[in-house]
Amino acid sequence: MDEIREKLLKCLDNNGIDLNEDSKQIDSISFITAIVDIEQEFDVEFPDEYLLIETMSSFEKIYDIVELLVTNKSN
């Protein structure tokens, strides 16, 4: 498992978010605290257009966004 995937899973788990369940069960507070944790963990900032639960409704969607932000940060 790659480093981004491991760290991302840890951030989500620390906030009680299990994306195997119905994403509509995620409350806004858990979502925001998870986003803050992810931003701190990866030293990135999510653009506003990504800050919707619908945009990040699966682990793979979140992973793709984080991977893109981390890649752009290092370039």
PDB file of N, CA and C in Angstrom:
ATOM      1  N   MET A   1       0.863  -1.182   0.000  1.00  0.00           N
ATOM      2  CA  MET A   1       0.000   0.000   0.000  1.00  0.00           C
ATOM      3  C   MET A   1       0.904   1.238   0.000  1.00  0.00           C
ATOM      4  N   ASP A   2       0.579   2.214  -0.824  1.00  0.00           N
ATOM      5  CA  ASP A   2       1.435   3.382  -0.895  1.00  0.00           C
ATOM      6  C   ASP A   2       1.215   4.314   0.299  1.00  0.00           C
ATOM      7  N   GLU A   3       2.151   5.221   0.477  1.00  0.00           N
ATOM      8  CA  GLU A   3       2.151   6.116   1.640  1.00  0.00           C
ATOM      9  C   GLU A   3       0.922   7.031   1.682  1.00  0.00           C
ATOM     10  N   ILE A   4       0.523   7.575   0.545  1.00  0.00           N
ATOM     11  CA  ILE A   4      -0.655   8.458   0.508  1.00  0.00           C
ATOM     12  C   ILE A   4      -1.893   7.689   0.955  1.00  0.00           C
ATOM     13  N   ARG A   5      -2.070   6.486   0.439  1.00  0.00           N
ATOM     14  CA  ARG A   5      -3.232   5.668   0.772  1.00  0.00           C
ATOM     15  C   ARG A   5      -3.273   5.378   2.276  1.00  0.00           C
ATOM     16  N   GLU A   6      -2.128   4.998   2.842  1.00  0.00           N
ATOM     17  CA  GLU A   6      -2.069   4.686   4.272  1.00  0.00           C
ATOM     18  C   GLU A   6      -2.409   5.900   5.133  1.00  0.00           C
ATOM     19  N   LYS A   7      -1.803   7.034   4.823  1.00  0.00           N
ATOM     20  CA  LYS A   7      -2.048   8.253   5.601  1.00  0.00           C
ATOM     21  C   LYS A   7      -3.499   8.716   5.469  1.00  0.00           C
ATOM     22  N   LEU A   8      -4.044   8.601   4.268  1.00  0.00           N
ATOM     23  CA  LEU A   8      -5.421   9.012   4.027  1.00  0.00           C
ATOM     24  C   LEU A   8      -6.400   8.132   4.807  1.00  0.00           C
ATOM     25  N   LEU A   9      -6.183   6.835   4.773  1.00  0.00           N
ATOM     26  CA  LEU A   9      -7.029   5.917   5.540  1.00  0.00           C
ATOM     27  C   LEU A   9      -6.975   6.240   7.030  1.00  0.00           C
ATOM     28  N   LYS A  10      -5.793   6.568   7.522  1.00  0.00           N
ATOM     29  CA  LYS A  10      -5.629   6.909   8.937  1.00  0.00           C
ATOM     30  C   LYS A  10      -6.403   8.187   9.277  1.00  0.00           C
ATOM     31  N   CYS A  11      -6.305   9.211   8.433  1.00  0.00           N
ATOM     32  CA  CYS A  11      -7.030  10.467   8.672  1.00  0.00           C
ATOM     33  C   CYS A  11      -8.540  10.225   8.718  1.00  0.00           C
ATOM     34  N   LEU A  12      -9.042   9.454   7.785  1.00  0.00           N
ATOM     35  CA  LEU A  12     -10.477   9.175   7.747  1.00  0.00           C
ATOM     36  C   LEU A  12     -10.902   8.353   8.956  1.00  0.00           C
ATOM     37  N   ASP A  13     -10.115   7.338   9.282  1.00  0.00           N
ATOM     38  CA  ASP A  13     -10.428   6.483  10.427  1.00  0.00           C
ATOM     39  C   ASP A  13     -10.407   7.276  11.727  1.00  0.00           C
ATOM     40  N   ASN A  14      -9.445   8.176  11.873  1.00  0.00           N
ATOM     41  CA  ASN A  14      -9.352   9.003  13.088  1.00  0.00           C
ATOM     42  C   ASN A  14     -10.590   9.880  13.284  1.00  0.00           C
ATOM     43  N   ASN A  15     -11.309  10.136  12.201  1.00  0.00           N
ATOM     44  CA  ASN A  15     -12.511  10.961  12.268  1.00  0.00           C
ATOM     45  C   ASN A  15     -13.788  10.137  12.167  1.00  0.00           C
ATOM     46  N   GLY A  16     -13.654   8.828  12.290  1.00  0.00           N
ATOM     47  CA  GLY A  16     -14.817   7.953  12.297  1.00  0.00           C
ATOM     48  C   GLY A  16     -15.518   7.828  10.961  1.00  0.00           C
ATOM     49  N   ILE A  17     -14.785   8.043   9.875  1.00  0.00           N
ATOM     50  CA  ILE A  17     -15.391   7.986   8.549  1.00  0.00           C
ATOM     51  C   ILE A  17     -15.026   6.668   7.886  1.00  0.00           C
ATOM     52  N   ASP A  18     -16.061   5.891   7.558  1.00  0.00           N
ATOM     53  CA  ASP A  18     -15.897   4.633   6.847  1.00  0.00           C
ATOM     54  C   ASP A  18     -16.654   4.769   5.540  1.00  0.00           C
ATOM     55  N   LEU A  19     -15.926   4.933   4.457  1.00  0.00           N
ATOM     56  CA  LEU A  19     -16.573   5.163   3.165  1.00  0.00           C
ATOM     57  C   LEU A  19     -17.117   3.886   2.542  1.00  0.00           C
ATOM     58  N   ASN A  20     -16.994   2.759   3.245  1.00  0.00           N
ATOM     59  CA  ASN A  20     -17.652   1.542   2.783  1.00  0.00           C
ATOM     60  C   ASN A  20     -19.137   1.601   3.097  1.00  0.00           C
ATOM     61  N   GLU A  21     -19.482   2.466   4.053  1.00  0.00           N
ATOM     62  CA  GLU A  21     -20.883   2.653   4.410  1.00  0.00           C
ATOM     63  C   GLU A  21     -21.482   3.752   3.540  1.00  0.00           C
ATOM     64  N   ASP A  22     -22.748   4.009   3.690  1.00  0.00           N
ATOM     65  CA  ASP A  22     -23.442   5.060   2.942  1.00  0.00           C
ATOM     66  C   ASP A  22     -22.844   6.416   3.288  1.00  0.00           C
ATOM     67  N   SER A  23     -22.280   7.114   2.298  1.00  0.00           N
ATOM     68  CA  SER A  23     -21.622   8.394   2.552  1.00  0.00           C
ATOM     69  C   SER A  23     -22.578   9.452   3.082  1.00  0.00           C
ATOM     70  N   LYS A  24     -23.872   9.251   2.902  1.00  0.00           N
ATOM     71  CA  LYS A  24     -24.839  10.217   3.417  1.00  0.00           C
ATOM     72  C   LYS A  24     -24.893  10.179   4.939  1.00  0.00           C
ATOM     73  N   GLN A  25     -24.282   9.164   5.530  1.00  0.00           N
ATOM     74  CA  GLN A  25     -24.220   9.048   6.975  1.00  0.00           C
ATOM     75  C   GLN A  25     -23.144   9.961   7.571  1.00  0.00           C
ATOM     76  N   ILE A  26     -22.270  10.501   6.748  1.00  0.00           N
ATOM     77  CA  ILE A  26     -21.196  11.361   7.230  1.00  0.00           C
ATOM     78  C   ILE A  26     -21.784  12.720   7.590  1.00  0.00           C
ATOM     79  N   ASP A  27     -21.588  13.133   8.838  1.00  0.00           N
ATOM     80  CA  ASP A  27     -22.096  14.451   9.210  1.00  0.00           C
ATOM     81  C   ASP A  27     -21.070  15.513   8.819  1.00  0.00           C
ATOM     82  N   SER A  28     -21.530  16.737   8.740  1.00  0.00           N
ATOM     83  CA  SER A  28     -20.684  17.825   8.244  1.00  0.00           C
ATOM     84  C   SER A  28     -19.487  18.091   9.150  1.00  0.00           C
ATOM     85  N   ILE A  29     -19.643  17.913  10.446  1.00  0.00           N
ATOM     86  CA  ILE A  29     -18.526  18.144  11.371  1.00  0.00           C
ATOM     87  C   ILE A  29     -17.422  17.116  11.129  1.00  0.00           C
ATOM     88  N   SER A  30     -17.787  15.850  10.993  1.00  0.00           N
ATOM     89  CA  SER A  30     -16.794  14.800  10.723  1.00  0.00           C
ATOM     90  C   SER A  30     -16.103  15.046   9.388  1.00  0.00           C
ATOM     91  N   PHE A  31     -16.881  15.458   8.404  1.00  0.00           N
ATOM     92  CA  PHE A  31     -16.328  15.731   7.080  1.00  0.00           C
ATOM     93  C   PHE A  31     -15.301  16.855   7.149  1.00  0.00           C
ATOM     94  N   ILE A  32     -15.653  17.958   7.792  1.00  0.00           N
ATOM     95  CA  ILE A  32     -14.742  19.106   7.881  1.00  0.00           C
ATOM     96  C   ILE A  32     -13.501  18.771   8.697  1.00  0.00           C
ATOM     97  N   THR A  33     -13.662  18.083   9.820  1.00  0.00           N
ATOM     98  CA  THR A  33     -12.480  17.736  10.621  1.00  0.00           C
ATOM     99  C   THR A  33     -11.569  16.775   9.864  1.00  0.00           C
ATOM    100  N   ALA A  34     -12.148  15.883   9.079  1.00  0.00           N
ATOM    101  CA  ALA A  34     -11.329  14.989   8.258  1.00  0.00           C
ATOM    102  C   ALA A  34     -10.567  15.781   7.200  1.00  0.00           C
ATOM    103  N   ILE A  35     -11.232  16.740   6.573  1.00  0.00           N
ATOM    104  CA  ILE A  35     -10.566  17.580   5.568  1.00  0.00           C
ATOM    105  C   ILE A  35      -9.400  18.336   6.191  1.00  0.00           C
ATOM    106  N   VAL A  36      -9.614  18.914   7.362  1.00  0.00           N
ATOM    107  CA  VAL A  36      -8.549  19.654   8.057  1.00  0.00           C
ATOM    108  C   VAL A  36      -7.391  18.719   8.369  1.00  0.00           C
ATOM    109  N   ASP A  37      -7.690  17.519   8.865  1.00  0.00           N
ATOM    110  CA  ASP A  37      -6.627  16.545   9.157  1.00  0.00           C
ATOM    111  C   ASP A  37      -5.847  16.164   7.904  1.00  0.00           C
ATOM    112  N   ILE A  38      -6.564  15.952   6.811  1.00  0.00           N
ATOM    113  CA  ILE A  38      -5.907  15.589   5.552  1.00  0.00           C
ATOM    114  C   ILE A  38      -5.018  16.732   5.068  1.00  0.00           C
ATOM    115  N   GLU A  39      -5.536  17.959   5.135  1.00  0.00           N
ATOM    116  CA  GLU A  39      -4.736  19.118   4.718  1.00  0.00           C
ATOM    117  C   GLU A  39      -3.464  19.236   5.558  1.00  0.00           C
ATOM    118  N   GLN A  40      -3.575  19.014   6.854  1.00  0.00           N
ATOM    119  CA  GLN A  40      -2.403  19.097   7.724  1.00  0.00           C
ATOM    120  C   GLN A  40      -1.434  17.944   7.462  1.00  0.00           C
ATOM    121  N   GLU A  41      -1.971  16.765   7.299  1.00  0.00           N
ATOM    122  CA  GLU A  41      -1.125  15.576   7.079  1.00  0.00           C
ATOM    123  C   GLU A  41      -0.295  15.694   5.809  1.00  0.00           C
ATOM    124  N   PHE A  42      -0.910  16.224   4.748  1.00  0.00           N
ATOM    125  CA  PHE A  42      -0.244  16.283   3.450  1.00  0.00           C
ATOM    126  C   PHE A  42       0.275  17.680   3.106  1.00  0.00           C
ATOM    127  N   ASP A  43       0.068  18.643   4.000  1.00  0.00           N
ATOM    128  CA  ASP A  43       0.493  20.022   3.779  1.00  0.00           C
ATOM    129  C   ASP A  43      -0.042  20.558   2.443  1.00  0.00           C
ATOM    130  N   VAL A  44      -1.352  20.399   2.261  1.00  0.00           N
ATOM    131  CA  VAL A  44      -2.037  20.877   1.063  1.00  0.00           C
ATOM    132  C   VAL A  44      -3.285  21.626   1.499  1.00  0.00           C
ATOM    133  N   GLU A  45      -3.904  22.316   0.546  1.00  0.00           N
ATOM    134  CA  GLU A  45      -5.174  22.986   0.806  1.00  0.00           C
ATOM    135  C   GLU A  45      -6.139  22.621  -0.311  1.00  0.00           C
ATOM    136  N   PHE A  46      -7.311  22.125   0.096  1.00  0.00           N
ATOM    137  CA  PHE A  46      -8.317  21.757  -0.893  1.00  0.00           C
ATOM    138  C   PHE A  46      -8.941  23.010  -1.492  1.00  0.00           C
ATOM    139  N   PRO A  47      -8.994  23.107  -2.821  1.00  0.00           N
ATOM    140  CA  PRO A  47      -9.733  24.209  -3.441  1.00  0.00           C
ATOM    141  C   PRO A  47     -11.217  24.089  -3.078  1.00  0.00           C
ATOM    142  N   ASP A  48     -11.887  25.223  -3.022  1.00  0.00           N
ATOM    143  CA  ASP A  48     -13.298  25.253  -2.612  1.00  0.00           C
ATOM    144  C   ASP A  48     -14.183  24.303  -3.406  1.00  0.00           C
ATOM    145  N   GLU A  49     -13.913  24.148  -4.707  1.00  0.00           N
ATOM    146  CA  GLU A  49     -14.783  23.303  -5.527  1.00  0.00           C
ATOM    147  C   GLU A  49     -14.740  21.822  -5.132  1.00  0.00           C
ATOM    148  N   TYR A  50     -13.737  21.416  -4.347  1.00  0.00           N
ATOM    149  CA  TYR A  50     -13.660  20.034  -3.873  1.00  0.00           C
ATOM    150  C   TYR A  50     -14.329  19.838  -2.519  1.00  0.00           C
ATOM    151  N   LEU A  51     -14.685  20.908  -1.850  1.00  0.00           N
ATOM    152  CA  LEU A  51     -15.176  20.815  -0.475  1.00  0.00           C
ATOM    153  C   LEU A  51     -16.675  20.522  -0.385  1.00  0.00           C
ATOM    154  N   LEU A  52     -17.088  19.486  -1.079  1.00  0.00           N
ATOM    155  CA  LEU A  52     -18.470  19.020  -1.051  1.00  0.00           C
ATOM    156  C   LEU A  52     -18.459  17.527  -0.748  1.00  0.00           C
ATOM    157  N   ILE A  53     -19.349  17.101   0.128  1.00  0.00           N
ATOM    158  CA  ILE A  53     -19.404  15.682   0.456  1.00  0.00           C
ATOM    159  C   ILE A  53     -19.640  14.859  -0.814  1.00  0.00           C
ATOM    160  N   GLU A  54     -20.436  15.377  -1.742  1.00  0.00           N
ATOM    161  CA  GLU A  54     -20.716  14.657  -2.979  1.00  0.00           C
ATOM    162  C   GLU A  54     -19.451  14.455  -3.816  1.00  0.00           C
ATOM    163  N   THR A  55     -18.556  15.446  -3.812  1.00  0.00           N
ATOM    164  CA  THR A  55     -17.315  15.367  -4.577  1.00  0.00           C
ATOM    165  C   THR A  55     -16.388  14.320  -3.984  1.00  0.00           C
ATOM    166  N   MET A  56     -16.493  14.118  -2.685  1.00  0.00           N
ATOM    167  CA  MET A  56     -15.618  13.182  -1.982  1.00  0.00           C
ATOM    168  C   MET A  56     -16.431  12.041  -1.392  1.00  0.00           C
ATOM    169  N   SER A  57     -17.264  11.449  -2.215  1.00  0.00           N
ATOM    170  CA  SER A  57     -18.191  10.431  -1.725  1.00  0.00           C
ATOM    171  C   SER A  57     -17.599   9.027  -1.663  1.00  0.00           C
ATOM    172  N   SER A  58     -16.374   8.858  -2.153  1.00  0.00           N
ATOM    173  CA  SER A  58     -15.736   7.544  -2.071  1.00  0.00           C
ATOM    174  C   SER A  58     -14.256   7.734  -1.749  1.00  0.00           C
ATOM    175  N   PHE A  59     -13.677   6.669  -1.244  1.00  0.00           N
ATOM    176  CA  PHE A  59     -12.252   6.740  -0.925  1.00  0.00           C
ATOM    177  C   PHE A  59     -11.438   7.052  -2.172  1.00  0.00           C
ATOM    178  N   GLU A  60     -11.771   6.414  -3.272  1.00  0.00           N
ATOM    179  CA  GLU A  60     -10.998   6.628  -4.501  1.00  0.00           C
ATOM    180  C   GLU A  60     -11.072   8.074  -4.981  1.00  0.00           C
ATOM    181  N   LYS A  61     -12.228   8.702  -4.849  1.00  0.00           N
ATOM    182  CA  LYS A  61     -12.348  10.111  -5.239  1.00  0.00           C
ATOM    183  C   LYS A  61     -11.457  10.991  -4.359  1.00  0.00           C
ATOM    184  N   ILE A  62     -11.484  10.740  -3.059  1.00  0.00           N
ATOM    185  CA  ILE A  62     -10.649  11.515  -2.139  1.00  0.00           C
ATOM    186  C   ILE A  62      -9.174  11.252  -2.435  1.00  0.00           C
ATOM    187  N   TYR A  63      -8.837   9.999  -2.631  1.00  0.00           N
ATOM    188  CA  TYR A  63      -7.455   9.625  -2.935  1.00  0.00           C
ATOM    189  C   TYR A  63      -6.958  10.338  -4.190  1.00  0.00           C
ATOM    190  N   ASP A  64      -7.766  10.337  -5.254  1.00  0.00           N
ATOM    191  CA  ASP A  64      -7.371  10.993  -6.507  1.00  0.00           C
ATOM    192  C   ASP A  64      -7.113  12.483  -6.292  1.00  0.00           C
ATOM    193  N   ILE A  65      -7.968  13.129  -5.513  1.00  0.00           N
ATOM    194  CA  ILE A  65      -7.796  14.562  -5.245  1.00  0.00           C
ATOM    195  C   ILE A  65      -6.533  14.811  -4.449  1.00  0.00           C
ATOM    196  N   VAL A  66      -6.330  14.038  -3.399  1.00  0.00           N
ATOM    197  CA  VAL A  66      -5.134  14.209  -2.555  1.00  0.00           C
ATOM    198  C   VAL A  66      -3.874  13.938  -3.363  1.00  0.00           C
ATOM    199  N   GLU A  67      -3.891  12.889  -4.150  1.00  0.00           N
ATOM    200  CA  GLU A  67      -2.728  12.562  -4.980  1.00  0.00           C
ATOM    201  C   GLU A  67      -2.411  13.716  -5.938  1.00  0.00           C
ATOM    202  N   LEU A  68      -3.438  14.283  -6.547  1.00  0.00           N
ATOM    203  CA  LEU A  68      -3.260  15.417  -7.449  1.00  0.00           C
ATOM    204  C   LEU A  68      -2.667  16.624  -6.703  1.00  0.00           C
ATOM    205  N   LEU A  69      -3.209  16.941  -5.535  1.00  0.00           N
ATOM    206  CA  LEU A  69      -2.719  18.083  -4.758  1.00  0.00           C
ATOM    207  C   LEU A  69      -1.277  17.874  -4.311  1.00  0.00           C
ATOM    208  N   VAL A  70      -0.950  16.671  -3.874  1.00  0.00           N
ATOM    209  CA  VAL A  70       0.425  16.373  -3.436  1.00  0.00           C
ATOM    210  C   VAL A  70       1.387  16.447  -4.606  1.00  0.00           C
ATOM    211  N   THR A  71       0.983  15.922  -5.739  1.00  0.00           N
ATOM    212  CA  THR A  71       1.829  15.955  -6.945  1.00  0.00           C
ATOM    213  C   THR A  71       2.054  17.394  -7.392  1.00  0.00           C
ATOM    214  N   ASN A  72       0.998  18.205  -7.409  1.00  0.00           N
ATOM    215  CA  ASN A  72       1.121  19.605  -7.824  1.00  0.00           C
ATOM    216  C   ASN A  72       1.978  20.404  -6.850  1.00  0.00           C
ATOM    217  N   LYS A  73       1.916  20.049  -5.568  1.00  0.00           N
ATOM    218  CA  LYS A  73       2.707  20.744  -4.558  1.00  0.00           C
ATOM    219  C   LYS A  73       4.208  20.500  -4.777  1.00  0.00           C
ATOM    220  N   SER A  74       4.556  19.290  -5.168  1.00  0.00           N
ATOM    221  CA  SER A  74       5.964  18.945  -5.316  1.00  0.00           C
ATOM    222  C   SER A  74       6.556  19.393  -6.643  1.00  0.00           C
ATOM    223  N   ASN A  75       5.702  19.856  -7.562  1.00  0.00           N
ATOM    224  CA  ASN A  75       6.210  20.341  -8.871  1.00  0.00           C
ATOM    225  C   ASN A  75       6.498  21.808  -8.844  1.00  0.00           C
TER     226      ASN A  75
END
